[in-house]
Amino acid sequence: MTIQYRPRGVCSQLFQIQVEDHIIQDVQVLGGCNGNLQGISRLIEGMKVEDAISKLEGIRCGGRPTSCPDQIAQALKQAL
């Protein structure tokens, strides 16, 4: 399954996430803080969708009510 998600309230413009058997296979991000998002993407590749959601959901960026990791969690919810 490929998830395409347009995040809200963050700098990133698009997430494309490949999930197979509830395991994250690949994460591509357009826009945002390139180095940080590459790191997050590599860390969650191979992780169960549920585990990634529990680790990323609720993270805030400065005074914003969300962040790129939180938005990745929201995107991953589509795979459940």
PDB file of N, CA and C in Angstrom:
ATOM      1  N   MET A   1       0.851  -1.167   0.000  1.00  0.00           N
ATOM      2  CA  MET A   1       0.000   0.000   0.000  1.00  0.00           C
ATOM      3  C   MET A   1       0.901   1.235   0.000  1.00  0.00           C
ATOM      4  N   THR A   2       0.556   2.182  -0.845  1.00  0.00           N
ATOM      5  CA  THR A   2       1.258   3.461  -0.867  1.00  0.00           C
ATOM      6  C   THR A   2       0.326   4.541  -0.344  1.00  0.00           C
ATOM      7  N   ILE A   3       0.797   5.261   0.655  1.00  0.00           N
ATOM      8  CA  ILE A   3       0.035   6.357   1.238  1.00  0.00           C
ATOM      9  C   ILE A   3       0.609   7.659   0.710  1.00  0.00           C
ATOM     10  N   GLN A   4      -0.230   8.501   0.142  1.00  0.00           N
ATOM     11  CA  GLN A   4       0.169   9.859  -0.221  1.00  0.00           C
ATOM     12  C   GLN A   4      -0.630  10.793   0.672  1.00  0.00           C
ATOM     13  N   TYR A   5       0.085  11.654   1.375  1.00  0.00           N
ATOM     14  CA  TYR A   5      -0.556  12.497   2.378  1.00  0.00           C
ATOM     15  C   TYR A   5      -0.011  13.913   2.283  1.00  0.00           C
ATOM     16  N   ARG A   6      -0.913  14.870   2.249  1.00  0.00           N
ATOM     17  CA  ARG A   6      -0.536  16.289   2.267  1.00  0.00           C
ATOM     18  C   ARG A   6      -0.650  16.792   3.701  1.00  0.00           C
ATOM     19  N   PRO A   7       0.492  17.000   4.353  1.00  0.00           N
ATOM     20  CA  PRO A   7       0.461  17.427   5.752  1.00  0.00           C
ATOM     21  C   PRO A   7      -0.093  18.832   5.909  1.00  0.00           C
ATOM     22  N   ARG A   8      -0.610  19.104   7.104  1.00  0.00           N
ATOM     23  CA  ARG A   8      -1.189  20.419   7.415  1.00  0.00           C
ATOM     24  C   ARG A   8      -0.423  21.046   8.574  1.00  0.00           C
ATOM     25  N   GLY A   9      -0.188  22.351   8.480  1.00  0.00           N
ATOM     26  CA  GLY A   9       0.414  23.086   9.578  1.00  0.00           C
ATOM     27  C   GLY A   9       1.912  22.941   9.725  1.00  0.00           C
ATOM     28  N   VAL A  10       2.578  22.370   8.702  1.00  0.00           N
ATOM     29  CA  VAL A  10       4.029  22.188   8.736  1.00  0.00           C
ATOM     30  C   VAL A  10       4.639  22.621   7.409  1.00  0.00           C
ATOM     31  N   CYS A  11       5.963  22.651   7.355  1.00  0.00           N
ATOM     32  CA  CYS A  11       6.674  23.085   6.147  1.00  0.00           C
ATOM     33  C   CYS A  11       6.634  22.050   5.022  1.00  0.00           C
ATOM     34  N   SER A  12       6.583  20.777   5.374  1.00  0.00           N
ATOM     35  CA  SER A  12       6.566  19.717   4.360  1.00  0.00           C
ATOM     36  C   SER A  12       5.316  19.830   3.507  1.00  0.00           C
ATOM     37  N   GLN A  13       5.451  19.409   2.254  1.00  0.00           N
ATOM     38  CA  GLN A  13       4.349  19.536   1.310  1.00  0.00           C
ATOM     39  C   GLN A  13       3.659  18.207   0.989  1.00  0.00           C
ATOM     40  N   LEU A  14       4.426  17.107   1.041  1.00  0.00           N
ATOM     41  CA  LEU A  14       3.847  15.817   0.664  1.00  0.00           C
ATOM     42  C   LEU A  14       4.656  14.687   1.289  1.00  0.00           C
ATOM     43  N   PHE A  15       3.948  13.668   1.803  1.00  0.00           N
ATOM     44  CA  PHE A  15       4.572  12.442   2.277  1.00  0.00           C
ATOM     45  C   PHE A  15       4.121  11.319   1.356  1.00  0.00           C
ATOM     46  N   GLN A  16       5.056  10.469   0.982  1.00  0.00           N
ATOM     47  CA  GLN A  16       4.713   9.238   0.268  1.00  0.00           C
ATOM     48  C   GLN A  16       5.327   8.096   1.073  1.00  0.00           C
ATOM     49  N   ILE A  17       4.472   7.233   1.591  1.00  0.00           N
ATOM     50  CA  ILE A  17       4.907   6.182   2.500  1.00  0.00           C
ATOM     51  C   ILE A  17       4.466   4.836   1.953  1.00  0.00           C
ATOM     52  N   GLN A  18       5.416   3.919   1.839  1.00  0.00           N
ATOM     53  CA  GLN A  18       5.129   2.572   1.366  1.00  0.00           C
ATOM     54  C   GLN A  18       5.034   1.645   2.576  1.00  0.00           C
ATOM     55  N   VAL A  19       3.889   0.956   2.714  1.00  0.00           N
ATOM     56  CA  VAL A  19       3.648   0.044   3.826  1.00  0.00           C
ATOM     57  C   VAL A  19       3.276  -1.318   3.261  1.00  0.00           C
ATOM     58  N   GLU A  20       3.904  -2.364   3.819  1.00  0.00           N
ATOM     59  CA  GLU A  20       3.583  -3.727   3.402  1.00  0.00           C
ATOM     60  C   GLU A  20       3.454  -4.595   4.649  1.00  0.00           C
ATOM     61  N   ASP A  21       2.333  -5.267   4.804  1.00  0.00           N
ATOM     62  CA  ASP A  21       2.070  -6.117   5.973  1.00  0.00           C
ATOM     63  C   ASP A  21       2.283  -5.367   7.285  1.00  0.00           C
ATOM     64  N   HIS A  22       1.808  -4.128   7.341  1.00  0.00           N
ATOM     65  CA  HIS A  22       1.888  -3.260   8.528  1.00  0.00           C
ATOM     66  C   HIS A  22       3.322  -2.884   8.911  1.00  0.00           C
ATOM     67  N   ILE A  23       4.262  -3.028   7.963  1.00  0.00           N
ATOM     68  CA  ILE A  23       5.657  -2.629   8.171  1.00  0.00           C
ATOM     69  C   ILE A  23       5.975  -1.502   7.196  1.00  0.00           C
ATOM     70  N   ILE A  24       6.580  -0.434   7.718  1.00  0.00           N
ATOM     71  CA  ILE A  24       6.945   0.709   6.879  1.00  0.00           C
ATOM     72  C   ILE A  24       8.161   0.322   6.043  1.00  0.00           C
ATOM     73  N   GLN A  25       8.018   0.399   4.733  1.00  0.00           N
ATOM     74  CA  GLN A  25       9.086   0.012   3.817  1.00  0.00           C
ATOM     75  C   GLN A  25       9.914   1.203   3.336  1.00  0.00           C
ATOM     76  N   ASP A  26       9.248   2.336   3.089  1.00  0.00           N
ATOM     77  CA  ASP A  26       9.938   3.498   2.527  1.00  0.00           C
ATOM     78  C   ASP A  26       9.146   4.750   2.870  1.00  0.00           C
ATOM     79  N   VAL A  27       9.869   5.837   3.135  1.00  0.00           N
ATOM     80  CA  VAL A  27       9.244   7.125   3.428  1.00  0.00           C
ATOM     81  C   VAL A  27       9.953   8.182   2.589  1.00  0.00           C
ATOM     82  N   GLN A  28       9.200   8.917   1.806  1.00  0.00           N
ATOM     83  CA  GLN A  28       9.724  10.027   1.013  1.00  0.00           C
ATOM     84  C   GLN A  28       8.970  11.288   1.413  1.00  0.00           C
ATOM     85  N   VAL A  29       9.716  12.383   1.586  1.00  0.00           N
ATOM     86  CA  VAL A  29       9.113  13.643   2.014  1.00  0.00           C
ATOM     87  C   VAL A  29       9.526  14.732   1.048  1.00  0.00           C
ATOM     88  N   LEU A  30       8.551  15.516   0.604  1.00  0.00           N
ATOM     89  CA  LEU A  30       8.813  16.672  -0.250  1.00  0.00           C
ATOM     90  C   LEU A  30       8.701  17.919   0.607  1.00  0.00           C
ATOM     91  N   GLY A  31       9.761  18.705   0.650  1.00  0.00           N
ATOM     92  CA  GLY A  31       9.776  19.926   1.441  1.00  0.00           C
ATOM     93  C   GLY A  31      10.159  19.660   2.880  1.00  0.00           C
ATOM     94  N   GLY A  32      10.187  20.719   3.677  1.00  0.00           N
ATOM     95  CA  GLY A  32      10.521  20.583   5.093  1.00  0.00           C
ATOM     96  C   GLY A  32      12.016  20.604   5.337  1.00  0.00           C
ATOM     97  N   CYS A  33      12.409  20.264   6.532  1.00  0.00           N
ATOM     98  CA  CYS A  33      13.820  20.240   6.959  1.00  0.00           C
ATOM     99  C   CYS A  33      14.441  18.931   6.483  1.00  0.00           C
ATOM    100  N   ASN A  34      15.119  18.979   5.362  1.00  0.00           N
ATOM    101  CA  ASN A  34      15.580  17.784   4.660  1.00  0.00           C
ATOM    102  C   ASN A  34      16.362  16.814   5.545  1.00  0.00           C
ATOM    103  N   GLY A  35      17.369  17.278   6.250  1.00  0.00           N
ATOM    104  CA  GLY A  35      18.194  16.387   7.063  1.00  0.00           C
ATOM    105  C   GLY A  35      17.402  15.707   8.161  1.00  0.00           C
ATOM    106  N   ASN A  36      16.611  16.473   8.885  1.00  0.00           N
ATOM    107  CA  ASN A  36      15.810  15.902   9.964  1.00  0.00           C
ATOM    108  C   ASN A  36      14.807  14.881   9.438  1.00  0.00           C
ATOM    109  N   LEU A  37      14.169  15.204   8.331  1.00  0.00           N
ATOM    110  CA  LEU A  37      13.155  14.294   7.803  1.00  0.00           C
ATOM    111  C   LEU A  37      13.778  13.034   7.208  1.00  0.00           C
ATOM    112  N   GLN A  38      14.987  13.151   6.653  1.00  0.00           N
ATOM    113  CA  GLN A  38      15.679  11.938   6.185  1.00  0.00           C
ATOM    114  C   GLN A  38      15.991  11.038   7.369  1.00  0.00           C
ATOM    115  N   GLY A  39      16.428  11.649   8.476  1.00  0.00           N
ATOM    116  CA  GLY A  39      16.728  10.874   9.677  1.00  0.00           C
ATOM    117  C   GLY A  39      15.503  10.172  10.227  1.00  0.00           C
ATOM    118  N   ILE A  40      14.406  10.907  10.339  1.00  0.00           N
ATOM    119  CA  ILE A  40      13.161  10.312  10.839  1.00  0.00           C
ATOM    120  C   ILE A  40      12.720   9.180   9.915  1.00  0.00           C
ATOM    121  N   SER A  41      12.794   9.430   8.613  1.00  0.00           N
ATOM    122  CA  SER A  41      12.380   8.415   7.635  1.00  0.00           C
ATOM    123  C   SER A  41      13.188   7.138   7.796  1.00  0.00           C
ATOM    124  N   ARG A  42      14.493   7.258   7.918  1.00  0.00           N
ATOM    125  CA  ARG A  42      15.344   6.068   8.058  1.00  0.00           C
ATOM    126  C   ARG A  42      15.081   5.343   9.376  1.00  0.00           C
ATOM    127  N   LEU A  43      14.806   6.107  10.423  1.00  0.00           N
ATOM    128  CA  LEU A  43      14.544   5.484  11.724  1.00  0.00           C
ATOM    129  C   LEU A  43      13.255   4.664  11.735  1.00  0.00           C
ATOM    130  N   ILE A  44      12.237   5.116  11.007  1.00  0.00           N
ATOM    131  CA  ILE A  44      10.958   4.388  11.061  1.00  0.00           C
ATOM    132  C   ILE A  44      10.827   3.321   9.976  1.00  0.00           C
ATOM    133  N   GLU A  45      11.712   3.324   8.982  1.00  0.00           N
ATOM    134  CA  GLU A  45      11.669   2.258   7.974  1.00  0.00           C
ATOM    135  C   GLU A  45      11.970   0.929   8.654  1.00  0.00           C
ATOM    136  N   GLY A  46      11.152  -0.068   8.388  1.00  0.00           N
ATOM    137  CA  GLY A  46      11.277  -1.376   9.017  1.00  0.00           C
ATOM    138  C   GLY A  46      10.472  -1.501  10.301  1.00  0.00           C
ATOM    139  N   MET A  47       9.890  -0.403  10.752  1.00  0.00           N
ATOM    140  CA  MET A  47       9.120  -0.382  11.991  1.00  0.00           C
ATOM    141  C   MET A  47       7.653  -0.720  11.702  1.00  0.00           C
ATOM    142  N   LYS A  48       6.992  -1.322  12.682  1.00  0.00           N
ATOM    143  CA  LYS A  48       5.554  -1.562  12.560  1.00  0.00           C
ATOM    144  C   LYS A  48       4.835  -0.217  12.551  1.00  0.00           C
ATOM    145  N   VAL A  49       3.789  -0.120  11.764  1.00  0.00           N
ATOM    146  CA  VAL A  49       3.007   1.107  11.655  1.00  0.00           C
ATOM    147  C   VAL A  49       2.540   1.572  13.031  1.00  0.00           C
ATOM    148  N   GLU A  50       1.999   0.661  13.827  1.00  0.00           N
ATOM    149  CA  GLU A  50       1.469   1.014  15.143  1.00  0.00           C
ATOM    150  C   GLU A  50       2.551   1.585  16.056  1.00  0.00           C
ATOM    151  N   ASP A  51       3.756   1.015  15.998  1.00  0.00           N
ATOM    152  CA  ASP A  51       4.862   1.485  16.835  1.00  0.00           C
ATOM    153  C   ASP A  51       5.299   2.893  16.431  1.00  0.00           C
ATOM    154  N   ALA A  52       5.376   3.129  15.119  1.00  0.00           N
ATOM    155  CA  ALA A  52       5.767   4.458  14.640  1.00  0.00           C
ATOM    156  C   ALA A  52       4.735   5.502  15.054  1.00  0.00           C
ATOM    157  N   ILE A  53       3.463   5.171  14.937  1.00  0.00           N
ATOM    158  CA  ILE A  53       2.405   6.107  15.341  1.00  0.00           C
ATOM    159  C   ILE A  53       2.553   6.450  16.815  1.00  0.00           C
ATOM    160  N   SER A  54       2.758   5.440  17.653  1.00  0.00           N
ATOM    161  CA  SER A  54       2.839   5.701  19.090  1.00  0.00           C
ATOM    162  C   SER A  54       4.056   6.559  19.456  1.00  0.00           C
ATOM    163  N   LYS A  55       5.134   6.466  18.700  1.00  0.00           N
ATOM    164  CA  LYS A  55       6.330   7.262  18.981  1.00  0.00           C
ATOM    165  C   LYS A  55       6.241   8.683  18.434  1.00  0.00           C
ATOM    166  N   LEU A  56       5.550   8.880  17.313  1.00  0.00           N
ATOM    167  CA  LEU A  56       5.550  10.172  16.626  1.00  0.00           C
ATOM    168  C   LEU A  56       4.349  11.059  16.927  1.00  0.00           C
ATOM    169  N   GLU A  57       3.219  10.443  17.219  1.00  0.00           N
ATOM    170  CA  GLU A  57       1.988  11.210  17.406  1.00  0.00           C
ATOM    171  C   GLU A  57       2.103  12.136  18.623  1.00  0.00           C
ATOM    172  N   GLY A  58       1.668  13.364  18.439  1.00  0.00           N
ATOM    173  CA  GLY A  58       1.628  14.324  19.530  1.00  0.00           C
ATOM    174  C   GLY A  58       2.861  15.208  19.653  1.00  0.00           C
ATOM    175  N   ILE A  59       3.889  14.953  18.849  1.00  0.00           N
ATOM    176  CA  ILE A  59       5.081  15.810  18.880  1.00  0.00           C
ATOM    177  C   ILE A  59       4.711  17.160  18.277  1.00  0.00           C
ATOM    178  N   ARG A  60       5.131  18.223  18.954  1.00  0.00           N
ATOM    179  CA  ARG A  60       4.829  19.584  18.501  1.00  0.00           C
ATOM    180  C   ARG A  60       6.104  20.257  18.016  1.00  0.00           C
ATOM    181  N   CYS A  61       5.951  21.254  17.175  1.00  0.00           N
ATOM    182  CA  CYS A  61       7.076  22.028  16.649  1.00  0.00           C
ATOM    183  C   CYS A  61       6.917  23.472  17.106  1.00  0.00           C
ATOM    184  N   GLY A  62       7.754  23.885  18.048  1.00  0.00           N
ATOM    185  CA  GLY A  62       7.645  25.236  18.574  1.00  0.00           C
ATOM    186  C   GLY A  62       6.260  25.461  19.152  1.00  0.00           C
ATOM    187  N   GLY A  63       5.622  26.547  18.751  1.00  0.00           N
ATOM    188  CA  GLY A  63       4.282  26.857  19.235  1.00  0.00           C
ATOM    189  C   GLY A  63       3.175  26.239  18.407  1.00  0.00           C
ATOM    190  N   ARG A  64       3.538  25.490  17.382  1.00  0.00           N
ATOM    191  CA  ARG A  64       2.516  24.858  16.531  1.00  0.00           C
ATOM    192  C   ARG A  64       1.891  23.656  17.240  1.00  0.00           C
ATOM    193  N   PRO A  65       0.646  23.375  16.933  1.00  0.00           N
ATOM    194  CA  PRO A  65      -0.008  22.227  17.572  1.00  0.00           C
ATOM    195  C   PRO A  65       0.371  20.886  16.942  1.00  0.00           C
ATOM    196  N   THR A  66       1.240  20.905  15.926  1.00  0.00           N
ATOM    197  CA  THR A  66       1.643  19.685  15.220  1.00  0.00           C
ATOM    198  C   THR A  66       3.102  19.822  14.802  1.00  0.00           C
ATOM    199  N   SER A  67       3.611  18.813  14.118  1.00  0.00           N
ATOM    200  CA  SER A  67       4.978  18.798  13.608  1.00  0.00           C
ATOM    201  C   SER A  67       5.029  17.814  12.451  1.00  0.00           C
ATOM    202  N   CYS A  68       6.147  17.756  11.749  1.00  0.00           N
ATOM    203  CA  CYS A  68       6.276  16.758  10.682  1.00  0.00           C
ATOM    204  C   CYS A  68       6.166  15.332  11.229  1.00  0.00           C
ATOM    205  N   PRO A  69       6.828  15.003  12.363  1.00  0.00           N
ATOM    206  CA  PRO A  69       6.631  13.646  12.891  1.00  0.00           C
ATOM    207  C   PRO A  69       5.162  13.354  13.228  1.00  0.00           C
ATOM    208  N   ASP A  70       4.466  14.312  13.821  1.00  0.00           N
ATOM    209  CA  ASP A  70       3.050  14.130  14.135  1.00  0.00           C
ATOM    210  C   ASP A  70       2.243  13.937  12.855  1.00  0.00           C
ATOM    211  N   GLN A  71       2.564  14.675  11.819  1.00  0.00           N
ATOM    212  CA  GLN A  71       1.847  14.537  10.559  1.00  0.00           C
ATOM    213  C   GLN A  71       2.155  13.199   9.888  1.00  0.00           C
ATOM    214  N   ILE A  72       3.368  12.680  10.046  1.00  0.00           N
ATOM    215  CA  ILE A  72       3.674  11.336   9.549  1.00  0.00           C
ATOM    216  C   ILE A  72       2.796  10.319  10.271  1.00  0.00           C
ATOM    217  N   ALA A  73       2.625  10.485  11.581  1.00  0.00           N
ATOM    218  CA  ALA A  73       1.752   9.592  12.344  1.00  0.00           C
ATOM    219  C   ALA A  73       0.325   9.654  11.802  1.00  0.00           C
ATOM    220  N   GLN A  74      -0.148  10.860  11.488  1.00  0.00           N
ATOM    221  CA  GLN A  74      -1.495  10.997  10.944  1.00  0.00           C
ATOM    222  C   GLN A  74      -1.609  10.290   9.602  1.00  0.00           C
ATOM    223  N   ALA A  75      -0.571  10.394   8.780  1.00  0.00           N
ATOM    224  CA  ALA A  75      -0.566   9.701   7.483  1.00  0.00           C
ATOM    225  C   ALA A  75      -0.590   8.190   7.680  1.00  0.00           C
ATOM    226  N   LEU A  76       0.205   7.697   8.632  1.00  0.00           N
ATOM    227  CA  LEU A  76       0.289   6.261   8.868  1.00  0.00           C
ATOM    228  C   LEU A  76      -1.025   5.666   9.366  1.00  0.00           C
ATOM    229  N   LYS A  77      -1.850   6.462   9.986  1.00  0.00           N
ATOM    230  CA  LYS A  77      -3.146   5.971  10.457  1.00  0.00           C
ATOM    231  C   LYS A  77      -3.991   5.448   9.296  1.00  0.00           C
ATOM    232  N   GLN A  78      -3.716   5.905   8.078  1.00  0.00           N
ATOM    233  CA  GLN A  78      -4.452   5.432   6.914  1.00  0.00           C
ATOM    234  C   GLN A  78      -4.148   3.963   6.626  1.00  0.00           C
ATOM    235  N   ALA A  79      -3.013   3.460   7.136  1.00  0.00           N
ATOM    236  CA  ALA A  79      -2.627   2.059   6.880  1.00  0.00           C
ATOM    237  C   ALA A  79      -3.265   1.093   7.866  1.00  0.00           C
ATOM    238  N   LEU A  80      -3.907   1.617   8.894  1.00  0.00           N
ATOM    239  CA  LEU A  80      -4.515   0.718   9.902  1.00  0.00           C
ATOM    240  C   LEU A  80      -5.842   0.153   9.448  1.00  0.00           C
TER     241      LEU A  80
END
